[in-house]
Amino acid sequence: MIGVDCRCAAAPGRTEDKMIPPPAQQMMTKRASATVVEVSGSHAIYVSKPEAVAKIIEQAAHGKK
């Protein structure tokens, strides 16, 4: 088993999310001290834009902002 210690947070900002209002998204990412990367897409950004989400995860894993 491999343990990973990651103290970074990244979040895709959904520009067309109809489920979570932008102020709520901003409050959650601020509370998590997350780096926000704006991605055009809906609430299901992980399904509609998997390549963009994977890139954000990879950047966070390598400590890039």
N, C-alpha and C. Protein backbone atom coordinates (compact mmCIF):
# COMPACT_ATOMS: atom_id res chain seq x y z
N MET A 1 0.85 -1.18 0.00
CA MET A 1 0.00 0.00 0.00
C MET A 1 0.89 1.23 0.00
N ILE A 2 0.51 2.23 -0.76
CA ILE A 2 1.25 3.47 -0.86
C ILE A 2 0.46 4.57 -0.18
N GLY A 3 1.10 5.30 0.71
CA GLY A 3 0.44 6.43 1.37
C GLY A 3 0.83 7.71 0.67
N VAL A 4 -0.10 8.59 0.51
CA VAL A 4 0.15 9.87 -0.14
C VAL A 4 -0.21 10.98 0.84
N ASP A 5 0.71 11.89 1.04
CA ASP A 5 0.47 13.04 1.91
C ASP A 5 0.35 14.27 1.03
N CYS A 6 -0.87 14.70 0.75
CA CYS A 6 -1.08 15.85 -0.13
C CYS A 6 -1.83 16.93 0.64
N ARG A 7 -1.16 18.05 0.83
CA ARG A 7 -1.79 19.17 1.53
C ARG A 7 -2.16 20.28 0.55
N CYS A 8 -2.53 19.88 -0.64
CA CYS A 8 -2.92 20.87 -1.64
C CYS A 8 -4.38 20.65 -2.01
N ALA A 9 -5.00 21.67 -2.50
CA ALA A 9 -6.39 21.55 -2.93
C ALA A 9 -6.57 22.31 -4.23
N ALA A 10 -7.23 21.68 -5.15
CA ALA A 10 -7.56 22.32 -6.43
C ALA A 10 -9.02 22.03 -6.73
N ALA A 11 -9.66 22.97 -7.35
CA ALA A 11 -11.07 22.79 -7.66
C ALA A 11 -11.39 23.37 -9.02
N PRO A 12 -12.09 22.58 -9.84
CA PRO A 12 -12.54 23.16 -11.11
C PRO A 12 -13.72 24.08 -10.87
N GLY A 13 -13.62 25.32 -11.26
CA GLY A 13 -14.74 26.25 -11.14
C GLY A 13 -15.68 26.02 -12.32
N ARG A 14 -16.90 25.68 -12.05
CA ARG A 14 -17.87 25.37 -13.11
C ARG A 14 -18.57 26.65 -13.50
N THR A 15 -18.32 27.11 -14.69
CA THR A 15 -18.88 28.39 -15.11
C THR A 15 -20.36 28.33 -15.46
N GLU A 16 -20.89 27.13 -15.70
CA GLU A 16 -22.29 27.01 -16.10
C GLU A 16 -23.07 26.10 -15.15
N ASP A 17 -22.63 26.01 -13.90
CA ASP A 17 -23.27 25.15 -12.90
C ASP A 17 -24.61 25.75 -12.49
N LYS A 18 -25.68 25.00 -12.66
CA LYS A 18 -27.02 25.45 -12.27
C LYS A 18 -27.43 24.88 -10.91
N MET A 19 -26.62 23.95 -10.36
CA MET A 19 -26.94 23.30 -9.09
C MET A 19 -26.35 24.05 -7.89
N ILE A 20 -25.11 24.51 -8.02
CA ILE A 20 -24.44 25.21 -6.93
C ILE A 20 -24.19 26.65 -7.39
N PRO A 21 -24.82 27.62 -6.75
CA PRO A 21 -24.63 29.01 -7.15
C PRO A 21 -23.17 29.44 -7.01
N PRO A 22 -22.68 30.33 -7.90
CA PRO A 22 -21.29 30.78 -7.83
C PRO A 22 -20.85 31.26 -6.45
N PRO A 23 -21.66 32.03 -5.70
CA PRO A 23 -21.20 32.46 -4.37
C PRO A 23 -20.94 31.26 -3.43
N ALA A 24 -21.74 30.21 -3.55
CA ALA A 24 -21.53 29.02 -2.73
C ALA A 24 -20.25 28.30 -3.16
N GLN A 25 -20.00 28.21 -4.46
CA GLN A 25 -18.76 27.61 -4.95
C GLN A 25 -17.56 28.38 -4.42
N GLN A 26 -17.63 29.70 -4.50
CA GLN A 26 -16.52 30.54 -4.05
C GLN A 26 -16.28 30.39 -2.56
N MET A 27 -17.35 30.31 -1.77
CA MET A 27 -17.22 30.14 -0.32
C MET A 27 -16.54 28.81 0.00
N MET A 28 -16.94 27.74 -0.70
CA MET A 28 -16.37 26.42 -0.43
C MET A 28 -14.90 26.35 -0.82
N THR A 29 -14.54 26.94 -1.96
CA THR A 29 -13.14 26.88 -2.38
C THR A 29 -12.28 27.76 -1.49
N LYS A 30 -12.81 28.88 -1.03
CA LYS A 30 -12.06 29.74 -0.10
C LYS A 30 -11.84 29.01 1.22
N ARG A 31 -12.88 28.35 1.73
CA ARG A 31 -12.79 27.62 2.99
C ARG A 31 -11.75 26.50 2.90
N ALA A 32 -11.63 25.90 1.71
CA ALA A 32 -10.66 24.82 1.50
C ALA A 32 -9.28 25.34 1.10
N SER A 33 -9.16 26.66 0.98
CA SER A 33 -7.92 27.28 0.49
C SER A 33 -7.48 26.65 -0.82
N ALA A 34 -8.45 26.42 -1.69
CA ALA A 34 -8.20 25.74 -2.96
C ALA A 34 -7.82 26.72 -4.05
N THR A 35 -7.01 26.23 -4.96
CA THR A 35 -6.72 26.96 -6.18
C THR A 35 -7.86 26.67 -7.14
N VAL A 36 -8.43 27.70 -7.73
CA VAL A 36 -9.57 27.51 -8.62
C VAL A 36 -9.11 27.68 -10.07
N VAL A 37 -9.49 26.72 -10.88
CA VAL A 37 -9.22 26.77 -12.32
C VAL A 37 -10.58 26.79 -13.00
N GLU A 38 -10.90 27.87 -13.69
CA GLU A 38 -12.21 27.99 -14.35
C GLU A 38 -12.28 27.06 -15.55
N VAL A 39 -13.34 26.26 -15.59
CA VAL A 39 -13.59 25.34 -16.69
C VAL A 39 -15.03 25.55 -17.12
N SER A 40 -15.24 25.80 -18.40
CA SER A 40 -16.59 25.97 -18.91
C SER A 40 -17.30 24.63 -18.89
N GLY A 41 -18.37 24.57 -18.12
CA GLY A 41 -19.10 23.31 -18.04
C GLY A 41 -20.16 23.35 -16.96
N SER A 42 -20.89 22.26 -16.86
CA SER A 42 -22.00 22.17 -15.93
C SER A 42 -21.57 21.53 -14.61
N HIS A 43 -22.56 21.21 -13.78
CA HIS A 43 -22.33 20.61 -12.46
C HIS A 43 -21.57 19.29 -12.58
N ALA A 44 -21.83 18.53 -13.62
CA ALA A 44 -21.19 17.23 -13.81
C ALA A 44 -19.89 17.38 -14.62
N ILE A 45 -19.04 18.32 -14.21
CA ILE A 45 -17.82 18.63 -14.94
C ILE A 45 -16.91 17.41 -15.06
N TYR A 46 -16.94 16.52 -14.08
CA TYR A 46 -16.09 15.33 -14.11
C TYR A 46 -16.50 14.38 -15.24
N VAL A 47 -17.75 14.46 -15.65
CA VAL A 47 -18.25 13.62 -16.74
C VAL A 47 -18.11 14.34 -18.09
N SER A 48 -18.46 15.62 -18.11
CA SER A 48 -18.47 16.35 -19.38
C SER A 48 -17.08 16.80 -19.84
N LYS A 49 -16.15 17.02 -18.92
CA LYS A 49 -14.81 17.49 -19.26
C LYS A 49 -13.74 16.71 -18.48
N PRO A 50 -13.70 15.38 -18.66
CA PRO A 50 -12.75 14.58 -17.85
C PRO A 50 -11.29 14.94 -18.09
N GLU A 51 -10.94 15.36 -19.31
CA GLU A 51 -9.55 15.70 -19.59
C GLU A 51 -9.12 16.94 -18.79
N ALA A 52 -10.00 17.93 -18.73
CA ALA A 52 -9.69 19.15 -17.98
C ALA A 52 -9.54 18.85 -16.49
N VAL A 53 -10.43 18.02 -15.96
CA VAL A 53 -10.37 17.66 -14.55
C VAL A 53 -9.10 16.86 -14.25
N ALA A 54 -8.75 15.93 -15.14
CA ALA A 54 -7.53 15.13 -14.94
C ALA A 54 -6.30 16.03 -14.93
N LYS A 55 -6.27 17.04 -15.79
CA LYS A 55 -5.14 17.96 -15.85
C LYS A 55 -5.02 18.75 -14.54
N ILE A 56 -6.14 19.18 -13.99
CA ILE A 56 -6.15 19.91 -12.72
C ILE A 56 -5.63 19.01 -11.60
N ILE A 57 -6.07 17.77 -11.57
CA ILE A 57 -5.62 16.82 -10.55
C ILE A 57 -4.12 16.57 -10.67
N GLU A 58 -3.65 16.39 -11.89
CA GLU A 58 -2.22 16.16 -12.11
C GLU A 58 -1.40 17.37 -11.65
N GLN A 59 -1.86 18.57 -11.97
CA GLN A 59 -1.14 19.78 -11.55
C GLN A 59 -1.10 19.89 -10.03
N ALA A 60 -2.21 19.60 -9.38
CA ALA A 60 -2.26 19.66 -7.91
C ALA A 60 -1.34 18.61 -7.30
N ALA A 61 -1.29 17.43 -7.90
CA ALA A 61 -0.44 16.36 -7.37
C ALA A 61 1.04 16.72 -7.46
N HIS A 62 1.39 17.55 -8.44
CA HIS A 62 2.77 17.97 -8.61
C HIS A 62 3.05 19.32 -7.98
N GLY A 63 2.07 19.84 -7.23
CA GLY A 63 2.26 21.09 -6.52
C GLY A 63 2.22 22.33 -7.37
N LYS A 64 1.66 22.23 -8.58
CA LYS A 64 1.57 23.39 -9.48
C LYS A 64 0.24 24.10 -9.26
N LYS A 65 0.27 25.42 -9.45
CA LYS A 65 -0.96 26.20 -9.33
C LYS A 65 -1.33 26.78 -10.65
